[in-house]
Amino acid sequence: MTRAVEVRVSGEVQGVSFRAYAAREAVRLELAGWVRNEPDGAVRAHFQGQEETVERMLAWCRGGSPAAEVLRLEVRDVAPTDVAEFRVEY
């Protein structure tokens, strides 16, 4: 079963390679979607794939990249889209 979520990660998550690490992990888990920095210092992402792998990605987001300090993870279930791969948005 496909699950799609949009997440907002707050804390020390910009300037610490969070997007690059998140993209690498999403590709490893064979998820589709995107990740981008937000103007307020947060990171927003869309993850889509099998329920179990989306849950694994959410678990990764709670810790983030090695230099990140995740203070809050907001998760919202959304409708799946037609995105077929994972990308970093700039």
N, C-alpha and C. Protein backbone atom coordinates (compact mmCIF):
# COMPACT_ATOMS: atom_id res chain seq x y z
N MET A 1 0.84 -1.19 0.00
CA MET A 1 0.00 0.00 0.00
C MET A 1 0.89 1.25 0.00
N THR A 2 0.59 2.20 -0.85
CA THR A 2 1.37 3.42 -0.95
C THR A 2 0.89 4.43 0.09
N ARG A 3 1.87 5.05 0.74
CA ARG A 3 1.58 6.13 1.69
C ARG A 3 2.39 7.34 1.25
N ALA A 4 1.78 8.51 1.36
CA ALA A 4 2.47 9.76 1.06
C ALA A 4 2.31 10.69 2.25
N VAL A 5 3.42 11.32 2.63
CA VAL A 5 3.40 12.27 3.73
C VAL A 5 4.16 13.52 3.35
N GLU A 6 3.76 14.62 3.95
CA GLU A 6 4.53 15.85 3.87
C GLU A 6 5.01 16.14 5.27
N VAL A 7 6.28 16.45 5.40
CA VAL A 7 6.86 16.69 6.71
C VAL A 7 7.50 18.06 6.77
N ARG A 8 7.54 18.60 7.98
CA ARG A 8 8.24 19.85 8.26
C ARG A 8 9.17 19.56 9.43
N VAL A 9 10.46 19.75 9.21
CA VAL A 9 11.47 19.46 10.23
C VAL A 9 12.04 20.79 10.72
N SER A 10 11.96 21.01 12.03
CA SER A 10 12.44 22.26 12.62
C SER A 10 13.63 21.98 13.53
N GLY A 11 14.44 22.99 13.71
CA GLY A 11 15.63 22.90 14.56
C GLY A 11 16.83 23.39 13.80
N GLU A 12 17.98 22.85 14.08
CA GLU A 12 19.21 23.17 13.35
C GLU A 12 19.29 22.20 12.17
N VAL A 13 18.57 22.54 11.08
CA VAL A 13 18.45 21.61 9.96
C VAL A 13 18.88 22.21 8.62
N GLN A 14 19.24 23.48 8.61
CA GLN A 14 19.78 24.08 7.39
C GLN A 14 21.27 24.34 7.62
N GLY A 15 22.05 24.16 6.57
CA GLY A 15 23.49 24.37 6.68
C GLY A 15 24.22 23.19 7.31
N VAL A 16 23.53 22.06 7.44
CA VAL A 16 24.12 20.87 8.06
C VAL A 16 23.94 19.65 7.15
N SER A 17 23.73 19.89 5.86
CA SER A 17 23.56 18.84 4.85
C SER A 17 22.33 17.96 5.07
N PHE A 18 21.32 18.48 5.75
CA PHE A 18 20.11 17.70 6.00
C PHE A 18 19.47 17.24 4.68
N ARG A 19 19.34 18.17 3.72
CA ARG A 19 18.70 17.80 2.45
C ARG A 19 19.46 16.71 1.72
N ALA A 20 20.77 16.83 1.66
CA ALA A 20 21.57 15.83 0.95
C ALA A 20 21.47 14.46 1.61
N TYR A 21 21.57 14.42 2.93
CA TYR A 21 21.45 13.15 3.64
C TYR A 21 20.04 12.58 3.50
N ALA A 22 19.03 13.44 3.57
CA ALA A 22 17.64 12.98 3.44
C ALA A 22 17.42 12.39 2.04
N ALA A 23 17.94 13.04 1.02
CA ALA A 23 17.79 12.53 -0.34
C ALA A 23 18.48 11.18 -0.49
N ARG A 24 19.67 11.07 0.06
CA ARG A 24 20.40 9.79 -0.02
C ARG A 24 19.61 8.68 0.66
N GLU A 25 19.06 8.96 1.83
CA GLU A 25 18.28 7.96 2.56
C GLU A 25 16.99 7.61 1.81
N ALA A 26 16.32 8.60 1.26
CA ALA A 26 15.08 8.36 0.50
C ALA A 26 15.35 7.49 -0.72
N VAL A 27 16.43 7.77 -1.43
CA VAL A 27 16.79 6.96 -2.60
C VAL A 27 17.12 5.53 -2.15
N ARG A 28 17.86 5.40 -1.06
CA ARG A 28 18.20 4.07 -0.55
C ARG A 28 16.94 3.27 -0.21
N LEU A 29 15.93 3.96 0.32
CA LEU A 29 14.67 3.31 0.68
C LEU A 29 13.70 3.18 -0.50
N GLU A 30 14.12 3.67 -1.66
CA GLU A 30 13.32 3.64 -2.89
C GLU A 30 12.02 4.43 -2.76
N LEU A 31 12.12 5.60 -2.13
CA LEU A 31 10.98 6.50 -2.00
C LEU A 31 11.01 7.53 -3.11
N ALA A 32 9.87 8.06 -3.44
CA ALA A 32 9.75 9.17 -4.37
C ALA A 32 9.42 10.42 -3.57
N GLY A 33 9.66 11.59 -4.17
CA GLY A 33 9.30 12.83 -3.50
C GLY A 33 10.35 13.91 -3.67
N TRP A 34 10.43 14.78 -2.68
CA TRP A 34 11.34 15.92 -2.74
C TRP A 34 11.65 16.41 -1.34
N VAL A 35 12.71 17.23 -1.25
CA VAL A 35 13.09 17.89 0.00
C VAL A 35 13.59 19.28 -0.34
N ARG A 36 13.25 20.27 0.51
CA ARG A 36 13.69 21.65 0.24
C ARG A 36 13.80 22.44 1.55
N ASN A 37 14.62 23.47 1.52
CA ASN A 37 14.71 24.40 2.64
C ASN A 37 13.54 25.37 2.59
N GLU A 38 13.09 25.79 3.76
CA GLU A 38 12.04 26.78 3.87
C GLU A 38 12.66 28.11 4.32
N PRO A 39 12.04 29.23 3.98
CA PRO A 39 12.59 30.54 4.36
C PRO A 39 12.74 30.73 5.88
N ASP A 40 11.95 30.03 6.68
CA ASP A 40 11.99 30.21 8.13
C ASP A 40 13.05 29.35 8.82
N GLY A 41 13.87 28.63 8.05
CA GLY A 41 14.93 27.80 8.63
C GLY A 41 14.57 26.33 8.77
N ALA A 42 13.34 25.97 8.48
CA ALA A 42 12.90 24.58 8.54
C ALA A 42 13.23 23.88 7.21
N VAL A 43 13.03 22.58 7.20
CA VAL A 43 13.13 21.79 5.97
C VAL A 43 11.78 21.13 5.76
N ARG A 44 11.27 21.17 4.54
CA ARG A 44 10.00 20.53 4.19
C ARG A 44 10.29 19.42 3.18
N ALA A 45 9.54 18.33 3.28
CA ALA A 45 9.77 17.21 2.35
C ALA A 45 8.47 16.46 2.09
N HIS A 46 8.45 15.78 0.98
CA HIS A 46 7.36 14.88 0.60
C HIS A 46 7.99 13.52 0.38
N PHE A 47 7.49 12.52 1.09
CA PHE A 47 7.97 11.15 0.95
C PHE A 47 6.81 10.28 0.54
N GLN A 48 7.05 9.41 -0.43
CA GLN A 48 5.98 8.56 -0.96
C GLN A 48 6.53 7.19 -1.29
N GLY A 49 5.85 6.16 -0.82
CA GLY A 49 6.27 4.80 -1.09
C GLY A 49 5.51 3.82 -0.23
N GLN A 50 6.08 2.65 -0.04
CA GLN A 50 5.45 1.64 0.79
C GLN A 50 5.37 2.13 2.24
N GLU A 51 4.29 1.79 2.91
CA GLU A 51 4.05 2.24 4.29
C GLU A 51 5.27 2.02 5.19
N GLU A 52 5.85 0.84 5.14
CA GLU A 52 6.99 0.51 6.00
C GLU A 52 8.20 1.40 5.72
N THR A 53 8.47 1.66 4.44
CA THR A 53 9.64 2.47 4.12
C THR A 53 9.40 3.95 4.45
N VAL A 54 8.18 4.42 4.30
CA VAL A 54 7.87 5.78 4.72
C VAL A 54 8.09 5.92 6.22
N GLU A 55 7.66 4.94 7.00
CA GLU A 55 7.88 4.96 8.45
C GLU A 55 9.37 4.97 8.78
N ARG A 56 10.16 4.22 8.04
CA ARG A 56 11.61 4.21 8.27
C ARG A 56 12.21 5.57 7.97
N MET A 57 11.70 6.25 6.93
CA MET A 57 12.19 7.59 6.59
C MET A 57 11.80 8.58 7.68
N LEU A 58 10.62 8.46 8.21
CA LEU A 58 10.20 9.35 9.30
C LEU A 58 11.07 9.15 10.52
N ALA A 59 11.42 7.91 10.81
CA ALA A 59 12.32 7.62 11.93
C ALA A 59 13.68 8.28 11.68
N TRP A 60 14.18 8.22 10.45
CA TRP A 60 15.44 8.87 10.12
C TRP A 60 15.33 10.38 10.35
N CYS A 61 14.21 10.98 9.93
CA CYS A 61 14.02 12.43 10.06
C CYS A 61 14.06 12.89 11.51
N ARG A 62 13.67 12.05 12.42
CA ARG A 62 13.69 12.43 13.84
C ARG A 62 15.11 12.67 14.35
N GLY A 63 16.09 12.07 13.70
CA GLY A 63 17.49 12.28 14.05
C GLY A 63 18.21 13.17 13.07
N GLY A 64 17.93 12.98 11.79
CA GLY A 64 18.50 13.82 10.74
C GLY A 64 19.95 13.51 10.43
N SER A 65 20.58 14.44 9.76
CA SER A 65 21.99 14.30 9.37
C SER A 65 22.87 14.39 10.62
N PRO A 66 24.13 13.95 10.51
CA PRO A 66 25.01 13.92 11.69
C PRO A 66 25.12 15.26 12.44
N ALA A 67 25.14 16.38 11.73
CA ALA A 67 25.30 17.67 12.39
C ALA A 67 23.97 18.36 12.72
N ALA A 68 22.86 17.75 12.34
CA ALA A 68 21.55 18.37 12.59
C ALA A 68 21.12 18.20 14.04
N GLU A 69 20.26 19.12 14.46
CA GLU A 69 19.60 19.00 15.75
C GLU A 69 18.10 19.19 15.50
N VAL A 70 17.39 18.08 15.36
CA VAL A 70 15.97 18.12 15.08
C VAL A 70 15.22 18.39 16.38
N LEU A 71 14.45 19.47 16.39
CA LEU A 71 13.66 19.81 17.57
C LEU A 71 12.20 19.42 17.41
N ARG A 72 11.72 19.39 16.16
CA ARG A 72 10.31 19.07 15.94
C ARG A 72 10.13 18.47 14.55
N LEU A 73 9.29 17.45 14.48
CA LEU A 73 8.92 16.83 13.21
C LEU A 73 7.41 16.82 13.11
N GLU A 74 6.89 17.56 12.14
CA GLU A 74 5.45 17.58 11.89
C GLU A 74 5.19 16.72 10.67
N VAL A 75 4.22 15.82 10.78
CA VAL A 75 3.91 14.87 9.70
C VAL A 75 2.44 15.01 9.34
N ARG A 76 2.17 15.10 8.06
CA ARG A 76 0.79 15.19 7.57
C ARG A 76 0.63 14.22 6.41
N ASP A 77 -0.34 13.32 6.50
CA ASP A 77 -0.64 12.43 5.39
C ASP A 77 -1.26 13.24 4.27
N VAL A 78 -0.83 12.97 3.05
CA VAL A 78 -1.32 13.67 1.86
C VAL A 78 -1.63 12.64 0.78
N ALA A 79 -2.29 13.08 -0.26
CA ALA A 79 -2.59 12.20 -1.39
C ALA A 79 -1.31 11.91 -2.17
N PRO A 80 -1.11 10.66 -2.60
CA PRO A 80 0.04 10.36 -3.45
C PRO A 80 -0.01 11.18 -4.73
N THR A 81 1.15 11.50 -5.25
CA THR A 81 1.25 12.24 -6.50
C THR A 81 1.85 11.33 -7.56
N ASP A 82 2.08 11.86 -8.75
CA ASP A 82 2.65 11.06 -9.83
C ASP A 82 4.17 11.15 -9.88
N VAL A 83 4.80 11.67 -8.83
CA VAL A 83 6.26 11.77 -8.79
C VAL A 83 6.86 10.37 -8.80
N ALA A 84 7.93 10.18 -9.59
CA ALA A 84 8.49 8.84 -9.77
C ALA A 84 9.89 8.67 -9.17
N GLU A 85 10.53 9.78 -8.78
CA GLU A 85 11.88 9.70 -8.23
C GLU A 85 11.99 10.70 -7.09
N PHE A 86 13.17 10.73 -6.46
CA PHE A 86 13.37 11.67 -5.36
C PHE A 86 14.33 12.74 -5.81
N ARG A 87 14.05 14.00 -5.43
CA ARG A 87 14.91 15.10 -5.85
C ARG A 87 15.06 16.13 -4.71
N VAL A 88 16.14 16.86 -4.77
CA VAL A 88 16.37 18.00 -3.88
C VAL A 88 15.94 19.24 -4.63
N GLU A 89 15.07 20.03 -4.01
CA GLU A 89 14.62 21.29 -4.62
C GLU A 89 15.43 22.43 -4.04
N TYR A 90 15.78 23.38 -4.90
CA TYR A 90 16.56 24.55 -4.47
C TYR A 90 15.76 25.81 -4.64
